[in-house]
Amino acid sequence: GPEVRSLAELLQQARGGYSRDPLGDQYNAALLREVQAFQRRHRLVVDGIAGVRTQMVLDAIADTRDVPLLTPQVVR
């Protein structure tokens, strides 16, 4: 769904660009390999699961200012 599409877009952005290939909304073998490659590059556990640690590193690297948040942020 849209969460998978967002993950794919963030992975592309973290790589420094965008692919001309259309982004699907399914977690397929190609996206699994992208997640594993990202994890390998950033010395994370290479399990192909975009879990909390993978998401944290991905968010720190990719420009996520325009990505919707799951919970509202309190501005102080």
N, C-alpha and C. Protein backbone atom coordinates (compact mmCIF):
# COMPACT_ATOMS: atom_id res chain seq x y z
N GLY A 1 0.80 -1.18 0.00
CA GLY A 1 0.00 0.00 0.00
C GLY A 1 0.85 1.25 0.00
N PRO A 2 0.29 2.35 0.43
CA PRO A 2 1.01 3.63 0.41
C PRO A 2 2.23 3.65 1.32
N GLU A 3 2.21 2.86 2.38
CA GLU A 3 3.37 2.81 3.28
C GLU A 3 4.57 2.22 2.55
N VAL A 4 4.32 1.19 1.74
CA VAL A 4 5.40 0.56 0.99
C VAL A 4 5.93 1.52 -0.07
N ARG A 5 5.04 2.24 -0.73
CA ARG A 5 5.46 3.23 -1.72
C ARG A 5 6.32 4.31 -1.06
N SER A 6 5.94 4.76 0.11
CA SER A 6 6.71 5.76 0.84
C SER A 6 8.09 5.22 1.20
N LEU A 7 8.16 3.97 1.64
CA LEU A 7 9.44 3.34 1.95
C LEU A 7 10.33 3.31 0.71
N ALA A 8 9.78 2.90 -0.42
CA ALA A 8 10.56 2.83 -1.65
C ALA A 8 11.08 4.21 -2.05
N GLU A 9 10.25 5.22 -1.91
CA GLU A 9 10.66 6.58 -2.26
C GLU A 9 11.77 7.07 -1.33
N LEU A 10 11.67 6.78 -0.04
CA LEU A 10 12.70 7.19 0.91
C LEU A 10 14.02 6.47 0.63
N LEU A 11 13.95 5.20 0.27
CA LEU A 11 15.17 4.46 -0.08
C LEU A 11 15.84 5.07 -1.30
N GLN A 12 15.04 5.44 -2.29
CA GLN A 12 15.60 6.08 -3.48
C GLN A 12 16.22 7.41 -3.13
N GLN A 13 15.56 8.17 -2.30
CA GLN A 13 16.06 9.48 -1.90
C GLN A 13 17.36 9.33 -1.11
N ALA A 14 17.43 8.34 -0.24
CA ALA A 14 18.64 8.10 0.55
C ALA A 14 19.81 7.71 -0.35
N ARG A 15 19.52 7.10 -1.48
CA ARG A 15 20.55 6.74 -2.46
C ARG A 15 21.01 7.95 -3.25
N GLY A 16 20.26 9.03 -3.17
CA GLY A 16 20.66 10.25 -3.85
C GLY A 16 19.93 10.54 -5.13
N GLY A 17 18.80 9.91 -5.34
CA GLY A 17 18.07 10.20 -6.56
C GLY A 17 16.78 9.44 -6.64
N TYR A 18 16.19 9.51 -7.79
CA TYR A 18 14.92 8.85 -8.03
C TYR A 18 15.08 7.93 -9.22
N SER A 19 14.35 6.85 -9.20
CA SER A 19 14.38 5.89 -10.29
C SER A 19 13.34 6.25 -11.33
N ARG A 20 13.63 5.93 -12.57
CA ARG A 20 12.64 6.11 -13.62
C ARG A 20 11.62 4.99 -13.61
N ASP A 21 11.96 3.91 -12.93
CA ASP A 21 11.04 2.78 -12.83
C ASP A 21 9.87 3.16 -11.94
N PRO A 22 8.67 2.78 -12.33
CA PRO A 22 7.52 3.10 -11.48
C PRO A 22 7.62 2.37 -10.14
N LEU A 23 7.23 3.07 -9.11
CA LEU A 23 7.27 2.47 -7.78
C LEU A 23 5.96 1.76 -7.52
N GLY A 24 6.06 0.53 -7.13
CA GLY A 24 4.86 -0.22 -6.81
C GLY A 24 4.45 -0.01 -5.38
N ASP A 25 3.38 -0.64 -5.00
CA ASP A 25 2.95 -0.53 -3.61
C ASP A 25 2.95 -1.90 -2.93
N GLN A 26 3.80 -2.80 -3.48
CA GLN A 26 3.95 -4.12 -2.87
C GLN A 26 5.39 -4.33 -2.46
N TYR A 27 5.58 -5.00 -1.34
CA TYR A 27 6.92 -5.30 -0.84
C TYR A 27 7.40 -6.55 -1.57
N ASN A 28 7.98 -6.33 -2.77
CA ASN A 28 8.40 -7.44 -3.61
C ASN A 28 9.89 -7.73 -3.43
N ALA A 29 10.41 -8.66 -4.22
CA ALA A 29 11.81 -9.07 -4.09
C ALA A 29 12.77 -7.92 -4.36
N ALA A 30 12.44 -7.05 -5.31
CA ALA A 30 13.32 -5.91 -5.62
C ALA A 30 13.42 -4.95 -4.44
N LEU A 31 12.28 -4.67 -3.81
CA LEU A 31 12.29 -3.77 -2.66
C LEU A 31 12.99 -4.42 -1.46
N LEU A 32 12.81 -5.71 -1.29
CA LEU A 32 13.53 -6.44 -0.25
C LEU A 32 15.03 -6.29 -0.42
N ARG A 33 15.51 -6.43 -1.66
CA ARG A 33 16.95 -6.27 -1.91
C ARG A 33 17.40 -4.84 -1.63
N GLU A 34 16.57 -3.85 -1.95
CA GLU A 34 16.91 -2.45 -1.66
C GLU A 34 17.05 -2.21 -0.16
N VAL A 35 16.11 -2.76 0.61
CA VAL A 35 16.16 -2.62 2.07
C VAL A 35 17.42 -3.30 2.60
N GLN A 36 17.71 -4.49 2.12
CA GLN A 36 18.91 -5.21 2.58
C GLN A 36 20.18 -4.45 2.22
N ALA A 37 20.24 -3.90 1.02
CA ALA A 37 21.42 -3.12 0.61
C ALA A 37 21.58 -1.89 1.49
N PHE A 38 20.46 -1.21 1.78
CA PHE A 38 20.50 -0.04 2.67
C PHE A 38 21.01 -0.46 4.05
N GLN A 39 20.50 -1.56 4.57
CA GLN A 39 20.92 -2.04 5.88
C GLN A 39 22.41 -2.39 5.88
N ARG A 40 22.86 -3.00 4.83
CA ARG A 40 24.28 -3.37 4.73
C ARG A 40 25.15 -2.12 4.70
N ARG A 41 24.76 -1.12 3.90
CA ARG A 41 25.54 0.12 3.80
C ARG A 41 25.63 0.86 5.13
N HIS A 42 24.61 0.72 5.95
CA HIS A 42 24.56 1.49 7.19
C HIS A 42 24.79 0.62 8.43
N ARG A 43 25.36 -0.55 8.18
CA ARG A 43 25.76 -1.46 9.26
C ARG A 43 24.64 -1.80 10.23
N LEU A 44 23.47 -2.05 9.64
CA LEU A 44 22.33 -2.50 10.42
C LEU A 44 22.20 -4.01 10.26
N VAL A 45 21.35 -4.63 11.05
CA VAL A 45 21.07 -6.04 10.87
C VAL A 45 20.43 -6.21 9.50
N VAL A 46 21.02 -7.06 8.66
CA VAL A 46 20.53 -7.24 7.29
C VAL A 46 19.48 -8.35 7.29
N ASP A 47 18.24 -7.94 7.52
CA ASP A 47 17.15 -8.91 7.56
C ASP A 47 16.05 -8.58 6.54
N GLY A 48 16.18 -7.44 5.86
CA GLY A 48 15.19 -7.07 4.86
C GLY A 48 13.89 -6.53 5.44
N ILE A 49 13.87 -6.34 6.75
CA ILE A 49 12.69 -5.81 7.41
C ILE A 49 12.94 -4.33 7.72
N ALA A 50 12.04 -3.48 7.27
CA ALA A 50 12.17 -2.05 7.53
C ALA A 50 11.60 -1.74 8.91
N GLY A 51 12.31 -2.22 9.93
CA GLY A 51 11.88 -2.05 11.31
C GLY A 51 12.27 -0.69 11.86
N VAL A 52 12.17 -0.56 13.16
CA VAL A 52 12.39 0.73 13.82
C VAL A 52 13.78 1.28 13.55
N ARG A 53 14.81 0.48 13.74
CA ARG A 53 16.18 0.99 13.54
C ARG A 53 16.43 1.37 12.10
N THR A 54 15.97 0.55 11.17
CA THR A 54 16.14 0.87 9.76
C THR A 54 15.40 2.16 9.44
N GLN A 55 14.19 2.32 9.94
CA GLN A 55 13.42 3.54 9.70
C GLN A 55 14.10 4.76 10.29
N MET A 56 14.68 4.61 11.48
CA MET A 56 15.36 5.75 12.11
C MET A 56 16.54 6.22 11.27
N VAL A 57 17.34 5.29 10.79
CA VAL A 57 18.50 5.67 9.97
C VAL A 57 18.01 6.25 8.64
N LEU A 58 17.01 5.63 8.05
CA LEU A 58 16.47 6.11 6.79
C LEU A 58 15.92 7.53 6.94
N ASP A 59 15.19 7.78 8.00
CA ASP A 59 14.65 9.12 8.24
C ASP A 59 15.75 10.15 8.45
N ALA A 60 16.85 9.73 9.11
CA ALA A 60 17.95 10.65 9.37
C ALA A 60 18.70 11.01 8.08
N ILE A 61 18.70 10.10 7.13
CA ILE A 61 19.44 10.32 5.88
C ILE A 61 18.58 11.00 4.83
N ALA A 62 17.37 10.52 4.66
CA ALA A 62 16.48 11.07 3.64
C ALA A 62 15.84 12.36 4.15
N ASP A 63 15.44 13.18 3.24
CA ASP A 63 14.75 14.42 3.60
C ASP A 63 13.28 14.09 3.85
N THR A 64 12.90 14.00 5.11
CA THR A 64 11.55 13.57 5.46
C THR A 64 10.66 14.72 5.93
N ARG A 65 11.02 15.94 5.60
CA ARG A 65 10.22 17.08 6.08
C ARG A 65 8.78 17.05 5.58
N ASP A 66 8.57 16.53 4.37
CA ASP A 66 7.22 16.53 3.81
C ASP A 66 6.50 15.19 3.97
N VAL A 67 7.11 14.27 4.68
CA VAL A 67 6.49 12.96 4.89
C VAL A 67 5.50 13.07 6.04
N PRO A 68 4.26 12.62 5.85
CA PRO A 68 3.29 12.71 6.94
C PRO A 68 3.71 11.85 8.13
N LEU A 69 3.43 12.35 9.31
CA LEU A 69 3.75 11.64 10.54
C LEU A 69 2.55 10.84 11.01
N LEU A 70 2.83 9.76 11.75
CA LEU A 70 1.75 8.95 12.29
C LEU A 70 1.10 9.61 13.49
N THR A 71 1.87 10.40 14.21
CA THR A 71 1.33 11.12 15.38
C THR A 71 1.69 12.59 15.25
N PRO A 72 0.83 13.46 15.73
CA PRO A 72 1.15 14.90 15.65
C PRO A 72 2.33 15.25 16.55
N GLN A 73 3.11 16.20 16.09
CA GLN A 73 4.27 16.65 16.85
C GLN A 73 3.90 17.93 17.60
N VAL A 74 4.33 18.01 18.84
CA VAL A 74 4.09 19.19 19.66
C VAL A 74 5.22 20.17 19.41
N VAL A 75 4.89 21.38 19.03
CA VAL A 75 5.88 22.42 18.79
C VAL A 75 6.00 23.22 20.06
N ARG A 76 7.23 23.36 20.54
CA ARG A 76 7.44 24.09 21.79
C ARG A 76 8.17 25.37 21.54
